[in-house]
Amino acid sequence: SADLGAPLIFPFLFITVACGAISG
């Protein structure tokens, strides 16, 4: 919940975790 300077979880969670979930 704290603001740690991370980008938006949508869509960047699905871009950050590629291998391990899906990777082109």
PDB file of all heavy atoms in Angstrom:
ATOM      1  N   SER A   1       0.817  -1.214   0.000  1.00  0.00           N
ATOM      2  CA  SER A   1       0.000   0.000   0.000  1.00  0.00           C
ATOM      3  C   SER A   1       0.850   1.264   0.000  1.00  0.00           C
ATOM      4  O   SER A   1       0.381   2.338  -0.391  1.00  0.00           O
ATOM      5  CB  SER A   1      -0.922   0.016   1.228  1.00  0.00           C
ATOM      6  OG  SER A   1      -0.155  -0.080   2.424  1.00  0.00           O
ATOM      7  N   ALA A   2       2.113   1.148   0.424  1.00  0.00           N
ATOM      8  CA  ALA A   2       2.992   2.321   0.474  1.00  0.00           C
ATOM      9  C   ALA A   2       3.424   2.721  -0.933  1.00  0.00           C
ATOM     10  O   ALA A   2       3.521   1.883  -1.837  1.00  0.00           O
ATOM     11  CB  ALA A   2       4.219   2.017   1.331  1.00  0.00           C
ATOM     12  N   ASP A   3       3.688   3.982  -1.117  1.00  0.00           N
ATOM     13  CA  ASP A   3       4.157   4.487  -2.398  1.00  0.00           C
ATOM     14  C   ASP A   3       5.685   4.355  -2.454  1.00  0.00           C
ATOM     15  O   ASP A   3       6.411   5.130  -1.829  1.00  0.00           O
ATOM     16  CB  ASP A   3       3.752   5.956  -2.569  1.00  0.00           C
ATOM     17  CG  ASP A   3       4.176   6.522  -3.924  1.00  0.00           C
ATOM     18  OD1 ASP A   3       4.621   5.730  -4.780  1.00  0.00           O
ATOM     19  OD2 ASP A   3       4.063   7.750  -4.118  1.00  0.00           O
ATOM     20  N   LEU A   4       6.149   3.360  -3.193  1.00  0.00           N
ATOM     21  CA  LEU A   4       7.587   3.111  -3.300  1.00  0.00           C
ATOM     22  C   LEU A   4       8.145   3.552  -4.655  1.00  0.00           C
ATOM     23  O   LEU A   4       9.256   3.190  -5.017  1.00  0.00           O
ATOM     24  CB  LEU A   4       7.880   1.617  -3.083  1.00  0.00           C
ATOM     25  CG  LEU A   4       7.437   1.037  -1.735  1.00  0.00           C
ATOM     26  CD1 LEU A   4       7.783  -0.435  -1.655  1.00  0.00           C
ATOM     27  CD2 LEU A   4       8.064   1.807  -0.581  1.00  0.00           C
ATOM     28  N   GLY A   5       7.341   4.340  -5.379  1.00  0.00           N
ATOM     29  CA  GLY A   5       7.804   4.832  -6.669  1.00  0.00           C
ATOM     30  C   GLY A   5       7.645   3.843  -7.801  1.00  0.00           C
ATOM     31  O   GLY A   5       8.179   4.064  -8.902  1.00  0.00           O
ATOM     32  N   ALA A   6       6.924   2.753  -7.575  1.00  0.00           N
ATOM     33  CA  ALA A   6       6.714   1.753  -8.623  1.00  0.00           C
ATOM     34  C   ALA A   6       5.684   2.252  -9.626  1.00  0.00           C
ATOM     35  O   ALA A   6       4.773   3.008  -9.266  1.00  0.00           O
ATOM     36  CB  ALA A   6       6.236   0.438  -8.009  1.00  0.00           C
ATOM     37  N   PRO A   7       5.789   1.840 -10.882  1.00  0.00           N
ATOM     38  CA  PRO A   7       4.762   2.214 -11.858  1.00  0.00           C
ATOM     39  C   PRO A   7       3.442   1.513 -11.553  1.00  0.00           C
ATOM     40  O   PRO A   7       3.353   0.689 -10.634  1.00  0.00           O
ATOM     41  CB  PRO A   7       5.358   1.738 -13.187  1.00  0.00           C
ATOM     42  CG  PRO A   7       6.316   0.664 -12.818  1.00  0.00           C
ATOM     43  CD  PRO A   7       6.863   1.036 -11.477  1.00  0.00           C
ATOM     44  N   LEU A   8       2.419   1.813 -12.324  1.00  0.00           N
ATOM     45  CA  LEU A   8       1.095   1.228 -12.106  1.00  0.00           C
ATOM     46  C   LEU A   8       1.162  -0.297 -12.202  1.00  0.00           C
ATOM     47  O   LEU A   8       1.795  -0.843 -13.106  1.00  0.00           O
ATOM     48  CB  LEU A   8       0.118   1.755 -13.163  1.00  0.00           C
ATOM     49  CG  LEU A   8      -0.079   3.276 -13.217  1.00  0.00           C
ATOM     50  CD1 LEU A   8      -0.932   3.638 -14.433  1.00  0.00           C
ATOM     51  CD2 LEU A   8      -0.722   3.782 -11.937  1.00  0.00           C
ATOM     52  N   ILE A   9       0.485  -0.956 -11.263  1.00  0.00           N
ATOM     53  CA  ILE A   9       0.500  -2.420 -11.288  1.00  0.00           C
ATOM     54  C   ILE A   9      -0.157  -2.940 -12.571  1.00  0.00           C
ATOM     55  O   ILE A   9       0.249  -3.960 -13.117  1.00  0.00           O
ATOM     56  CB  ILE A   9      -0.191  -2.992 -10.035  1.00  0.00           C
ATOM     57  CG1 ILE A   9       0.026  -4.507  -9.954  1.00  0.00           C
ATOM     58  CG2 ILE A   9      -1.673  -2.643 -10.001  1.00  0.00           C
ATOM     59  CD1 ILE A   9      -0.429  -5.124  -8.638  1.00  0.00           C
ATOM     60  N   PHE A  10      -1.188  -2.230 -13.046  1.00  0.00           N
ATOM     61  CA  PHE A  10      -1.766  -2.502 -14.373  1.00  0.00           C
ATOM     62  C   PHE A  10      -1.276  -1.416 -15.315  1.00  0.00           C
ATOM     63  O   PHE A  10      -1.519  -0.238 -15.069  1.00  0.00           O
ATOM     64  CB  PHE A  10      -3.302  -2.484 -14.323  1.00  0.00           C
ATOM     65  CG  PHE A  10      -3.916  -3.700 -13.729  1.00  0.00           C
ATOM     66  CD1 PHE A  10      -4.232  -3.750 -12.387  1.00  0.00           C
ATOM     67  CD2 PHE A  10      -4.185  -4.817 -14.508  1.00  0.00           C
ATOM     68  CE1 PHE A  10      -4.801  -4.878 -11.816  1.00  0.00           C
ATOM     69  CE2 PHE A  10      -4.759  -5.950 -13.951  1.00  0.00           C
ATOM     70  CZ  PHE A  10      -5.060  -5.976 -12.608  1.00  0.00           C
ATOM     71  N   PRO A  11      -0.551  -1.716 -16.362  1.00  0.00           N
ATOM     72  CA  PRO A  11      -0.266  -3.045 -16.916  1.00  0.00           C
ATOM     73  C   PRO A  11       1.114  -3.589 -16.567  1.00  0.00           C
ATOM     74  O   PRO A  11       1.503  -4.646 -17.062  1.00  0.00           O
ATOM     75  CB  PRO A  11      -0.311  -2.757 -18.410  1.00  0.00           C
ATOM     76  CG  PRO A  11       0.314  -1.378 -18.512  1.00  0.00           C
ATOM     77  CD  PRO A  11      -0.141  -0.633 -17.283  1.00  0.00           C
ATOM     78  N   PHE A  12       1.883  -2.887 -15.689  1.00  0.00           N
ATOM     79  CA  PHE A  12       3.314  -3.186 -15.618  1.00  0.00           C
ATOM     80  C   PHE A  12       3.650  -4.482 -14.893  1.00  0.00           C
ATOM     81  O   PHE A  12       4.737  -5.033 -15.107  1.00  0.00           O
ATOM     82  CB  PHE A  12       4.055  -1.996 -15.008  1.00  0.00           C
ATOM     83  CG  PHE A  12       4.136  -0.838 -15.946  1.00  0.00           C
ATOM     84  CD1 PHE A  12       3.262   0.242 -15.818  1.00  0.00           C
ATOM     85  CD2 PHE A  12       5.037  -0.834 -16.981  1.00  0.00           C
ATOM     86  CE1 PHE A  12       3.309   1.309 -16.704  1.00  0.00           C
ATOM     87  CE2 PHE A  12       5.097   0.222 -17.872  1.00  0.00           C
ATOM     88  CZ  PHE A  12       4.231   1.297 -17.739  1.00  0.00           C
ATOM     89  N   LEU A  13       2.753  -5.006 -14.051  1.00  0.00           N
ATOM     90  CA  LEU A  13       3.004  -6.322 -13.478  1.00  0.00           C
ATOM     91  C   LEU A  13       3.142  -7.367 -14.577  1.00  0.00           C
ATOM     92  O   LEU A  13       4.009  -8.250 -14.520  1.00  0.00           O
ATOM     93  CB  LEU A  13       1.870  -6.702 -12.526  1.00  0.00           C
ATOM     94  CG  LEU A  13       1.894  -8.156 -12.014  1.00  0.00           C
ATOM     95  CD1 LEU A  13       3.119  -8.407 -11.149  1.00  0.00           C
ATOM     96  CD2 LEU A  13       0.617  -8.470 -11.238  1.00  0.00           C
ATOM     97  N   PHE A  14       2.298  -7.263 -15.599  1.00  0.00           N
ATOM     98  CA  PHE A  14       2.256  -8.271 -16.659  1.00  0.00           C
ATOM     99  C   PHE A  14       3.376  -8.085 -17.680  1.00  0.00           C
ATOM    100  O   PHE A  14       3.572  -8.936 -18.546  1.00  0.00           O
ATOM    101  CB  PHE A  14       0.888  -8.220 -17.338  1.00  0.00           C
ATOM    102  CG  PHE A  14      -0.244  -8.261 -16.353  1.00  0.00           C
ATOM    103  CD1 PHE A  14      -0.938  -7.103 -16.006  1.00  0.00           C
ATOM    104  CD2 PHE A  14      -0.579  -9.446 -15.729  1.00  0.00           C
ATOM    105  CE1 PHE A  14      -1.951  -7.137 -15.072  1.00  0.00           C
ATOM    106  CE2 PHE A  14      -1.603  -9.480 -14.788  1.00  0.00           C
ATOM    107  CZ  PHE A  14      -2.294  -8.325 -14.455  1.00  0.00           C
ATOM    108  N   ILE A  15       4.088  -6.974 -17.586  1.00  0.00           N
ATOM    109  CA  ILE A  15       5.252  -6.738 -18.420  1.00  0.00           C
ATOM    110  C   ILE A  15       6.516  -7.101 -17.651  1.00  0.00           C
ATOM    111  O   ILE A  15       7.460  -7.672 -18.205  1.00  0.00           O
ATOM    112  CB  ILE A  15       5.323  -5.255 -18.849  1.00  0.00           C
ATOM    113  CG1 ILE A  15       4.023  -4.824 -19.529  1.00  0.00           C
ATOM    114  CG2 ILE A  15       6.522  -5.002 -19.745  1.00  0.00           C
ATOM    115  CD1 ILE A  15       3.647  -5.666 -20.734  1.00  0.00           C
ATOM    116  N   THR A  16       6.520  -6.811 -16.353  1.00  0.00           N
ATOM    117  CA  THR A  16       7.686  -7.087 -15.512  1.00  0.00           C
ATOM    118  C   THR A  16       7.898  -8.585 -15.337  1.00  0.00           C
ATOM    119  O   THR A  16       9.021  -9.085 -15.458  1.00  0.00           O
ATOM    120  CB  THR A  16       7.512  -6.420 -14.141  1.00  0.00           C
ATOM    121  OG1 THR A  16       7.321  -5.018 -14.319  1.00  0.00           O
ATOM    122  CG2 THR A  16       8.726  -6.660 -13.257  1.00  0.00           C
ATOM    123  N   VAL A  17       6.829  -9.326 -15.035  1.00  0.00           N
ATOM    124  CA  VAL A  17       6.923 -10.781 -14.908  1.00  0.00           C
ATOM    125  C   VAL A  17       6.527 -11.387 -16.252  1.00  0.00           C
ATOM    126  O   VAL A  17       5.352 -11.540 -16.559  1.00  0.00           O
ATOM    127  CB  VAL A  17       6.017 -11.327 -13.795  1.00  0.00           C
ATOM    128  CG1 VAL A  17       6.200 -12.840 -13.675  1.00  0.00           C
ATOM    129  CG2 VAL A  17       6.325 -10.654 -12.475  1.00  0.00           C
ATOM    130  N   ALA A  18       7.529 -11.704 -17.047  1.00  0.00           N
ATOM    131  CA  ALA A  18       7.293 -12.332 -18.352  1.00  0.00           C
ATOM    132  C   ALA A  18       7.612 -13.819 -18.219  1.00  0.00           C
ATOM    133  O   ALA A  18       6.719 -14.642 -18.010  1.00  0.00           O
ATOM    134  CB  ALA A  18       8.152 -11.653 -19.419  1.00  0.00           C
ATOM    135  N   CYS A  19       8.898 -14.182 -18.311  1.00  0.00           N
ATOM    136  CA  CYS A  19       9.285 -15.564 -18.042  1.00  0.00           C
ATOM    137  C   CYS A  19       8.809 -15.914 -16.637  1.00  0.00           C
ATOM    138  O   CYS A  19       9.004 -15.149 -15.699  1.00  0.00           O
ATOM    139  CB  CYS A  19      10.796 -15.717 -18.129  1.00  0.00           C
ATOM    140  SG  CYS A  19      11.472 -15.437 -19.776  1.00  0.00           S
ATOM    141  N   GLY A  20       8.173 -17.058 -16.509  1.00  0.00           N
ATOM    142  CA  GLY A  20       7.542 -17.434 -15.246  1.00  0.00           C
ATOM    143  C   GLY A  20       6.040 -17.364 -15.349  1.00  0.00           C
ATOM    144  O   GLY A  20       5.330 -18.085 -14.640  1.00  0.00           O
ATOM    145  N   ALA A  21       5.528 -16.503 -16.250  1.00  0.00           N
ATOM    146  CA  ALA A  21       4.083 -16.428 -16.503  1.00  0.00           C
ATOM    147  C   ALA A  21       3.837 -16.634 -18.005  1.00  0.00           C
ATOM    148  O   ALA A  21       3.254 -17.625 -18.421  1.00  0.00           O
ATOM    149  CB  ALA A  21       3.524 -15.092 -16.032  1.00  0.00           C
ATOM    150  N   ILE A  22       4.281 -15.695 -18.828  1.00  0.00           N
ATOM    151  CA  ILE A  22       4.245 -15.843 -20.280  1.00  0.00           C
ATOM    152  C   ILE A  22       5.276 -14.884 -20.856  1.00  0.00           C
ATOM    153  O   ILE A  22       5.405 -13.742 -20.400  1.00  0.00           O
ATOM    154  CB  ILE A  22       2.852 -15.553 -20.877  1.00  0.00           C
ATOM    155  CG1 ILE A  22       2.912 -15.615 -22.416  1.00  0.00           C
ATOM    156  CG2 ILE A  22       2.283 -14.235 -20.396  1.00  0.00           C
ATOM    157  CD1 ILE A  22       1.547 -15.515 -23.104  1.00  0.00           C
ATOM    158  N   SER A  23       6.009 -15.353 -21.841  1.00  0.00           N
ATOM    159  CA  SER A  23       7.033 -14.535 -22.493  1.00  0.00           C
ATOM    160  C   SER A  23       7.007 -14.794 -23.989  1.00  0.00           C
ATOM    161  O   SER A  23       7.022 -15.945 -24.430  1.00  0.00           O
ATOM    162  CB  SER A  23       8.417 -14.863 -21.935  1.00  0.00           C
ATOM    163  OG  SER A  23       9.439 -14.269 -22.713  1.00  0.00           O
ATOM    164  N   GLY A  24       6.986 -13.713 -24.770  1.00  0.00           N
ATOM    165  CA  GLY A  24       6.980 -13.867 -26.216  1.00  0.00           C
ATOM    166  C   GLY A  24       8.232 -14.524 -26.756  1.00  0.00           C
ATOM    167  O   GLY A  24       8.196 -15.179 -27.804  1.00  0.00           O
TER     168      GLY A  24
END
